[in-house]
Amino acid sequence: TLLPKLPVVTSNDGRMLPQTFEGGQITSNDIDNLTLVGGKLEHAKGRNSTNNDSLTIAGSNGATRTATANARSNEFYFAGGDYKITKDLTAQYYYGNLEDFYKQHFLGLTHNWAIGPGVLKSDLRYFNSSDDGKNGNTAAYYTSGNYNGFASGKGKVDNNLYSGLFLYTVAGHTFGGGYQVSNGSSDFPWLNQGDGSSAYLTTDMQIQKFARAGERTWQARYAYDFATVGVPGLTAGVIYLKGSDIDTVTASRTEITGQSEWERDITLAYVIPEGPLKNLGFAWKNAMWRTDLANTRSQDENRLIVSYTLPLF
């Protein structure tokens, strides 16, 4: 049982029971400043499931859980590494391949730069995703998107995604901004079991991921740590994202472009820092999503979370 946190596969822990994967992974730190990872996944267990399922992606027949759903795979191969160029600069490369669905290359660069009294963190990411095997010619294995002439609004994986996120932290304040571009005729692909999944995107939010075909997304962030004013354990934050130029199809399978969506997330959290209830935490997460996308409806969501961390060593 694995809970990977890698650019090409990331487990979702947004519920009390986390999403888990079944497979094997090898990690090596034998070379100074270099971490190498490789492995194979065969099944996934969703956040609200007790059984392991074979792997698939959004849009395929396997993701619909119908009686005829057979578009699934038991072979997801992944490999890559993190290289610490300096103590403040890290470069990443990862590769993932879900047999008969997609191949994905990832390049990443993170940098911390002390500017004045604070630190600027830069996070640059690039994904190149393309079709593999049956996804290129078999409708049951197609993914979601626009596809320029495919009447179903589905087709083979074809996506290039670029993003940059910049965060400046000073005296308890964190100010941030970012931009993301999703090029190609398909939505961004990732392992999706239909009941809660995560993608390694700076735009993966409480409700939406902002990675649809053609989508351009900008975001703004602010967070504050109240320990600076003598209230340790209390934190708050807000994020706003706006995505535009989305390519999709209507209910009548007419191609349209220029659709948009936005989301605003608020988080307020407190973890008791001392005393007999130390490490007991409370959090409130509120999300609002609005869209003019065809065949969708706007959403509002509140999450109340009580957590407890027990140090074992």
Protein backbone atom coordinates (compact mmCIF):
# COMPACT_ATOMS: atom_id res chain seq x y z
CA THR A 1 0.00 0.00 0.00
CA LEU A 2 1.49 3.30 -1.11
CA LEU A 3 0.59 6.99 -0.71
CA PRO A 4 2.85 8.54 -3.37
CA LYS A 5 3.50 12.30 -3.47
CA LEU A 6 5.17 12.58 -6.87
CA PRO A 7 4.55 14.90 -9.85
CA VAL A 8 3.13 12.07 -12.01
CA VAL A 9 1.05 10.39 -9.27
CA THR A 10 -0.27 11.95 -6.06
CA SER A 11 -2.55 10.32 -3.49
CA ASN A 12 -5.52 12.35 -2.24
CA ASP A 13 -5.90 12.80 1.53
CA GLY A 14 -8.85 15.18 1.45
CA ARG A 15 -11.07 12.78 3.42
CA MET A 16 -10.67 10.87 6.68
CA LEU A 17 -9.68 7.77 4.68
CA PRO A 18 -6.99 8.70 2.12
CA GLN A 19 -6.76 7.41 -1.43
CA THR A 20 -4.16 4.61 -1.55
CA PHE A 21 -2.37 2.74 -4.33
CA GLU A 22 -1.23 -0.88 -4.56
CA GLY A 23 2.15 -1.59 -6.11
CA GLY A 24 5.86 -1.28 -5.48
CA GLN A 25 8.32 1.61 -5.26
CA ILE A 26 12.09 1.92 -4.88
CA THR A 27 13.72 5.12 -3.59
CA SER A 28 17.47 5.76 -3.60
CA ASN A 29 19.45 8.53 -1.88
CA ASP A 30 22.86 6.95 -2.49
CA ILE A 31 24.13 9.91 -4.56
CA ASP A 32 24.58 13.18 -2.69
CA ASN A 33 21.85 15.74 -3.40
CA LEU A 34 20.02 13.31 -5.73
CA THR A 35 16.85 11.34 -4.94
CA LEU A 36 15.82 8.68 -7.47
CA VAL A 37 12.39 7.02 -7.50
CA GLY A 38 10.90 4.24 -9.62
CA GLY A 39 8.04 1.78 -9.44
CA LYS A 40 4.82 0.28 -10.73
CA LEU A 41 1.23 0.71 -9.54
CA GLU A 42 -1.55 -1.79 -10.28
CA HIS A 43 -4.62 -0.69 -8.30
CA ALA A 44 -6.10 2.25 -6.41
CA LYS A 45 -8.51 2.48 -3.49
CA GLY A 46 -10.72 5.59 -3.46
CA ARG A 47 -11.36 7.85 -0.48
CA ASN A 48 -14.84 6.38 0.05
CA SER A 49 -14.19 2.80 -1.10
CA THR A 50 -13.12 -0.43 0.55
CA ASN A 51 -12.06 -2.23 -2.64
CA ASN A 52 -9.10 -1.81 -4.97
CA ASP A 53 -9.86 -0.84 -8.59
CA SER A 54 -7.79 -1.01 -11.73
CA LEU A 55 -6.52 2.33 -13.03
CA THR A 56 -8.10 4.72 -15.53
CA ILE A 57 -8.52 8.40 -16.44
CA ALA A 58 -11.39 10.89 -16.64
CA GLY A 59 -13.63 10.47 -19.69
CA SER A 60 -12.93 6.79 -20.39
CA ASN A 61 -15.57 4.07 -20.08
CA GLY A 62 -13.62 2.70 -17.13
CA ALA A 63 -14.23 5.92 -15.22
CA THR A 64 -18.03 5.62 -15.53
CA ARG A 65 -18.29 2.35 -13.54
CA THR A 66 -20.95 1.03 -15.94
CA ALA A 67 -21.68 -2.65 -16.48
CA THR A 68 -19.66 -2.54 -19.70
CA ALA A 69 -16.77 -0.58 -18.21
CA ASN A 70 -13.60 -2.36 -19.25
CA ALA A 71 -11.30 0.50 -20.20
CA ARG A 72 -8.89 0.04 -17.33
CA SER A 73 -5.24 -0.85 -16.82
CA ASN A 74 -3.16 -2.57 -14.15
CA GLU A 75 0.13 -1.10 -15.31
CA PHE A 76 1.26 2.39 -14.33
CA TYR A 77 5.03 2.76 -14.52
CA PHE A 78 6.83 5.77 -13.06
CA ALA A 79 10.40 6.95 -12.55
CA GLY A 80 12.26 10.16 -11.93
CA GLY A 81 14.36 12.17 -9.57
CA ASP A 82 15.01 15.38 -7.64
CA TYR A 83 18.43 17.01 -7.87
CA LYS A 84 19.43 19.68 -5.37
CA ILE A 85 21.63 21.98 -7.47
CA THR A 86 22.18 24.28 -4.48
CA LYS A 87 20.57 24.42 -1.05
CA ASP A 88 17.94 26.78 -2.50
CA LEU A 89 17.50 25.40 -6.04
CA THR A 90 16.00 21.99 -6.92
CA ALA A 91 15.41 20.51 -10.38
CA GLN A 92 13.00 17.61 -11.08
CA TYR A 93 12.26 15.18 -13.91
CA TYR A 94 9.60 12.44 -13.77
CA TYR A 95 7.98 10.07 -16.26
CA GLY A 96 4.66 8.24 -15.92
CA ASN A 97 2.95 5.77 -18.25
CA LEU A 98 -0.52 4.31 -17.77
CA GLU A 99 -0.56 1.48 -20.31
CA ASP A 100 -3.13 2.01 -23.11
CA PHE A 101 -3.98 5.51 -21.83
CA TYR A 102 -1.18 8.07 -21.71
CA LYS A 103 2.51 8.89 -21.37
CA GLN A 104 3.58 11.92 -19.35
CA HIS A 105 6.87 13.80 -18.92
CA PHE A 106 7.36 16.35 -16.14
CA LEU A 107 10.01 19.03 -15.61
CA GLY A 108 10.07 21.15 -12.46
CA LEU A 109 12.23 23.83 -10.87
CA THR A 110 11.84 25.32 -7.37
CA HIS A 111 13.92 28.13 -5.90
CA ASN A 112 14.00 30.01 -2.59
CA TRP A 113 15.47 33.52 -2.69
CA ALA A 114 15.98 35.68 0.39
CA ILE A 115 14.84 39.19 -0.52
CA GLY A 116 14.98 41.81 2.20
CA PRO A 117 13.26 40.54 5.35
CA GLY A 118 11.40 37.76 3.54
CA VAL A 119 11.79 34.80 1.15
CA LEU A 120 10.49 34.48 -2.42
CA LYS A 121 9.66 30.92 -3.49
CA SER A 122 9.41 30.24 -7.23
CA ASP A 123 7.74 27.02 -8.47
CA LEU A 124 7.90 26.32 -12.23
CA ARG A 125 6.25 23.21 -13.74
CA TYR A 126 5.83 21.70 -17.22
CA PHE A 127 3.89 18.57 -18.24
CA ASN A 128 3.87 16.95 -21.68
CA SER A 129 1.12 14.33 -22.01
CA SER A 130 0.35 12.18 -25.08
CA ASP A 131 -1.67 9.09 -25.99
CA ASP A 132 -0.53 5.50 -25.45
CA GLY A 133 -1.85 2.31 -27.05
CA LYS A 134 -5.65 2.01 -27.24
CA ASN A 135 -6.20 5.63 -26.19
CA GLY A 136 -5.09 6.62 -29.70
CA ASN A 137 -7.77 4.65 -31.56
CA THR A 138 -10.38 3.05 -29.24
CA ALA A 139 -13.34 5.17 -28.07
CA ALA A 140 -13.71 3.38 -24.72
CA TYR A 141 -10.21 4.58 -23.79
CA TYR A 142 -10.67 8.21 -24.86
CA THR A 143 -10.38 11.09 -22.41
CA SER A 144 -12.36 14.30 -22.05
CA GLY A 145 -11.76 17.58 -23.88
CA ASN A 146 -12.78 19.32 -27.11
CA TYR A 147 -11.00 17.41 -29.89
CA ASN A 148 -11.84 19.67 -32.83
CA GLY A 149 -14.39 17.57 -34.69
CA PHE A 150 -14.89 14.53 -32.43
CA ALA A 151 -18.67 14.55 -32.01
CA SER A 152 -18.45 12.87 -28.61
CA GLY A 153 -16.23 15.61 -27.19
CA LYS A 154 -13.71 12.89 -26.32
CA GLY A 155 -10.51 11.70 -27.95
CA LYS A 156 -6.89 10.80 -27.39
CA VAL A 157 -4.68 12.47 -24.80
CA ASP A 158 -2.99 15.59 -26.18
CA ASN A 159 -1.94 18.19 -23.61
CA ASN A 160 0.95 20.50 -22.73
CA LEU A 161 0.62 22.30 -19.40
CA TYR A 162 2.87 25.12 -18.14
CA SER A 163 2.61 26.85 -14.78
CA GLY A 164 4.43 29.23 -12.49
CA LEU A 165 3.63 30.08 -8.87
CA PHE A 166 5.45 32.73 -6.83
CA LEU A 167 5.07 33.12 -3.05
CA TYR A 168 6.66 35.83 -0.89
CA THR A 169 6.69 35.21 2.88
CA VAL A 170 7.52 37.95 5.38
CA ALA A 171 6.59 38.49 9.05
CA GLY A 172 3.82 35.88 9.03
CA HIS A 173 2.32 37.10 5.73
CA THR A 174 2.45 35.09 2.50
CA PHE A 175 1.51 36.85 -0.73
CA GLY A 176 1.28 34.80 -3.93
CA GLY A 177 0.38 34.85 -7.58
CA GLY A 178 0.55 32.42 -10.46
CA TYR A 179 -0.41 31.62 -14.04
CA GLN A 180 -1.10 28.33 -15.85
CA VAL A 181 -1.65 27.42 -19.53
CA SER A 182 -3.25 24.14 -20.65
CA ASN A 183 -2.55 23.69 -24.39
CA GLY A 184 -3.68 20.88 -26.67
CA SER A 185 -6.97 19.28 -27.68
CA SER A 186 -7.53 17.31 -24.45
CA ASP A 187 -7.90 18.05 -20.77
CA PHE A 188 -4.86 17.36 -18.57
CA PRO A 189 -4.76 13.59 -17.73
CA TRP A 190 -4.08 12.02 -14.32
CA LEU A 191 -5.01 8.79 -12.51
CA ASN A 192 -8.70 9.28 -11.71
CA GLN A 193 -10.76 6.70 -9.82
CA GLY A 194 -13.94 8.77 -9.85
CA ASP A 195 -14.36 9.31 -6.10
CA GLY A 196 -11.58 11.71 -5.23
CA SER A 197 -8.16 12.11 -6.80
CA SER A 198 -5.36 14.64 -6.95
CA ALA A 199 -3.09 16.02 -9.65
CA TYR A 200 0.26 17.74 -9.08
CA LEU A 201 -0.98 21.15 -10.21
CA THR A 202 -0.70 24.57 -8.58
CA THR A 203 -4.41 24.92 -9.46
CA ASP A 204 -5.68 21.71 -7.80
CA MET A 205 -8.21 23.30 -5.44
CA GLN A 206 -10.98 22.18 -3.11
CA ILE A 207 -13.53 21.81 -5.92
CA GLN A 208 -11.82 22.14 -9.33
CA LYS A 209 -8.41 21.62 -10.96
CA PHE A 210 -8.48 24.30 -13.71
CA ALA A 211 -6.74 22.08 -16.27
CA ARG A 212 -9.28 21.82 -19.09
CA ALA A 213 -8.34 21.93 -22.76
CA GLY A 214 -7.26 25.43 -23.79
CA GLU A 215 -7.67 26.87 -20.29
CA ARG A 216 -5.65 29.87 -19.12
CA THR A 217 -5.72 30.37 -15.34
CA TRP A 218 -4.37 33.09 -13.10
CA GLN A 219 -4.48 32.94 -9.32
CA ALA A 220 -3.89 35.15 -6.29
CA ARG A 221 -3.17 33.97 -2.73
CA TYR A 222 -2.81 35.38 0.75
CA ALA A 223 -2.14 33.58 4.05
CA TYR A 224 -1.29 34.68 7.56
CA ASP A 225 0.30 32.88 10.53
CA PHE A 226 -0.98 34.46 13.75
CA ALA A 227 2.04 33.20 15.71
CA THR A 228 3.62 36.48 14.64
CA VAL A 229 1.18 38.36 16.88
CA GLY A 230 1.33 35.91 19.78
CA VAL A 231 -1.32 33.32 18.78
CA PRO A 232 0.67 30.21 17.77
CA GLY A 233 -1.30 27.50 15.97
CA LEU A 234 -3.81 29.86 14.32
CA THR A 235 -3.57 30.29 10.53
CA ALA A 236 -5.84 31.66 7.82
CA GLY A 237 -5.71 31.92 4.04
CA VAL A 238 -7.66 32.77 0.88
CA ILE A 239 -7.09 31.77 -2.77
CA TYR A 240 -8.85 33.07 -5.89
CA LEU A 241 -8.51 31.51 -9.36
CA LYS A 242 -10.00 32.54 -12.71
CA GLY A 243 -9.83 30.24 -15.74
CA SER A 244 -10.80 31.34 -19.27
CA ASP A 245 -10.60 30.30 -22.97
CA ILE A 246 -11.82 26.75 -22.19
CA ASP A 247 -12.54 24.45 -25.16
CA THR A 248 -15.46 22.05 -24.75
CA VAL A 249 -18.74 20.83 -26.32
CA THR A 250 -22.39 21.53 -25.54
CA ALA A 251 -25.04 18.93 -24.71
CA SER A 252 -25.81 18.78 -28.46
CA ARG A 253 -22.12 18.08 -29.15
CA THR A 254 -21.43 21.49 -30.67
CA GLU A 255 -17.88 22.71 -30.21
CA ILE A 256 -17.53 25.93 -28.21
CA THR A 257 -14.59 27.91 -26.89
CA GLY A 258 -14.07 30.87 -24.59
CA GLN A 259 -15.86 29.33 -21.60
CA SER A 260 -14.73 30.31 -18.09
CA GLU A 261 -14.78 29.34 -14.41
CA TRP A 262 -13.59 30.77 -11.10
CA GLU A 263 -13.12 29.51 -7.55
CA ARG A 264 -12.56 31.17 -4.19
CA ASP A 265 -11.29 29.09 -1.25
CA ILE A 266 -11.04 30.24 2.38
CA THR A 267 -9.28 28.27 5.14
CA LEU A 268 -9.20 28.98 8.88
CA ALA A 269 -7.32 26.52 11.10
CA TYR A 270 -6.15 26.21 14.69
CA VAL A 271 -3.88 23.58 16.27
CA ILE A 272 -3.55 23.63 20.08
CA PRO A 273 0.21 24.16 20.63
CA GLU A 274 0.59 23.25 24.32
CA GLY A 275 -1.05 21.43 27.24
CA PRO A 276 -2.91 18.10 27.51
CA LEU A 277 -4.71 18.69 24.17
CA LYS A 278 -1.52 19.55 22.28
CA ASN A 279 -1.72 18.76 18.52
CA LEU A 280 -5.54 18.70 18.48
CA GLY A 281 -6.58 20.67 15.41
CA PHE A 282 -9.72 22.30 14.03
CA ALA A 283 -10.19 23.60 10.48
CA TRP A 284 -12.94 25.22 8.40
CA LYS A 285 -12.65 25.20 4.61
CA ASN A 286 -15.14 27.09 2.45
CA ALA A 287 -15.13 26.94 -1.36
CA MET A 288 -17.24 28.72 -3.98
CA TRP A 289 -17.09 27.72 -7.68
CA ARG A 290 -18.88 29.50 -10.52
CA THR A 291 -18.86 28.62 -14.23
CA ASP A 292 -20.55 29.12 -17.59
CA LEU A 293 -19.37 25.72 -18.85
CA ALA A 294 -21.98 23.62 -20.63
CA ASN A 295 -23.49 20.68 -18.72
CA THR A 296 -22.19 21.89 -15.34
CA ARG A 297 -23.60 23.63 -12.29
CA SER A 298 -21.98 25.99 -9.82
CA GLN A 299 -21.06 24.64 -6.37
CA ASP A 300 -20.56 25.79 -2.79
CA GLU A 301 -18.90 23.60 -0.19
CA ASN A 302 -17.98 23.72 3.50
CA ARG A 303 -15.68 21.28 5.26
CA LEU A 304 -15.24 21.09 9.03
CA ILE A 305 -12.22 19.02 10.09
CA VAL A 306 -11.08 17.84 13.52
CA SER A 307 -7.64 16.21 13.57
CA TYR A 308 -5.15 14.89 16.09
CA THR A 309 -1.46 14.21 15.57
CA LEU A 310 0.17 11.62 17.83
CA PRO A 311 4.00 11.60 17.77
CA LEU A 312 5.25 8.01 17.96
CA PHE A 313 9.00 8.67 18.18
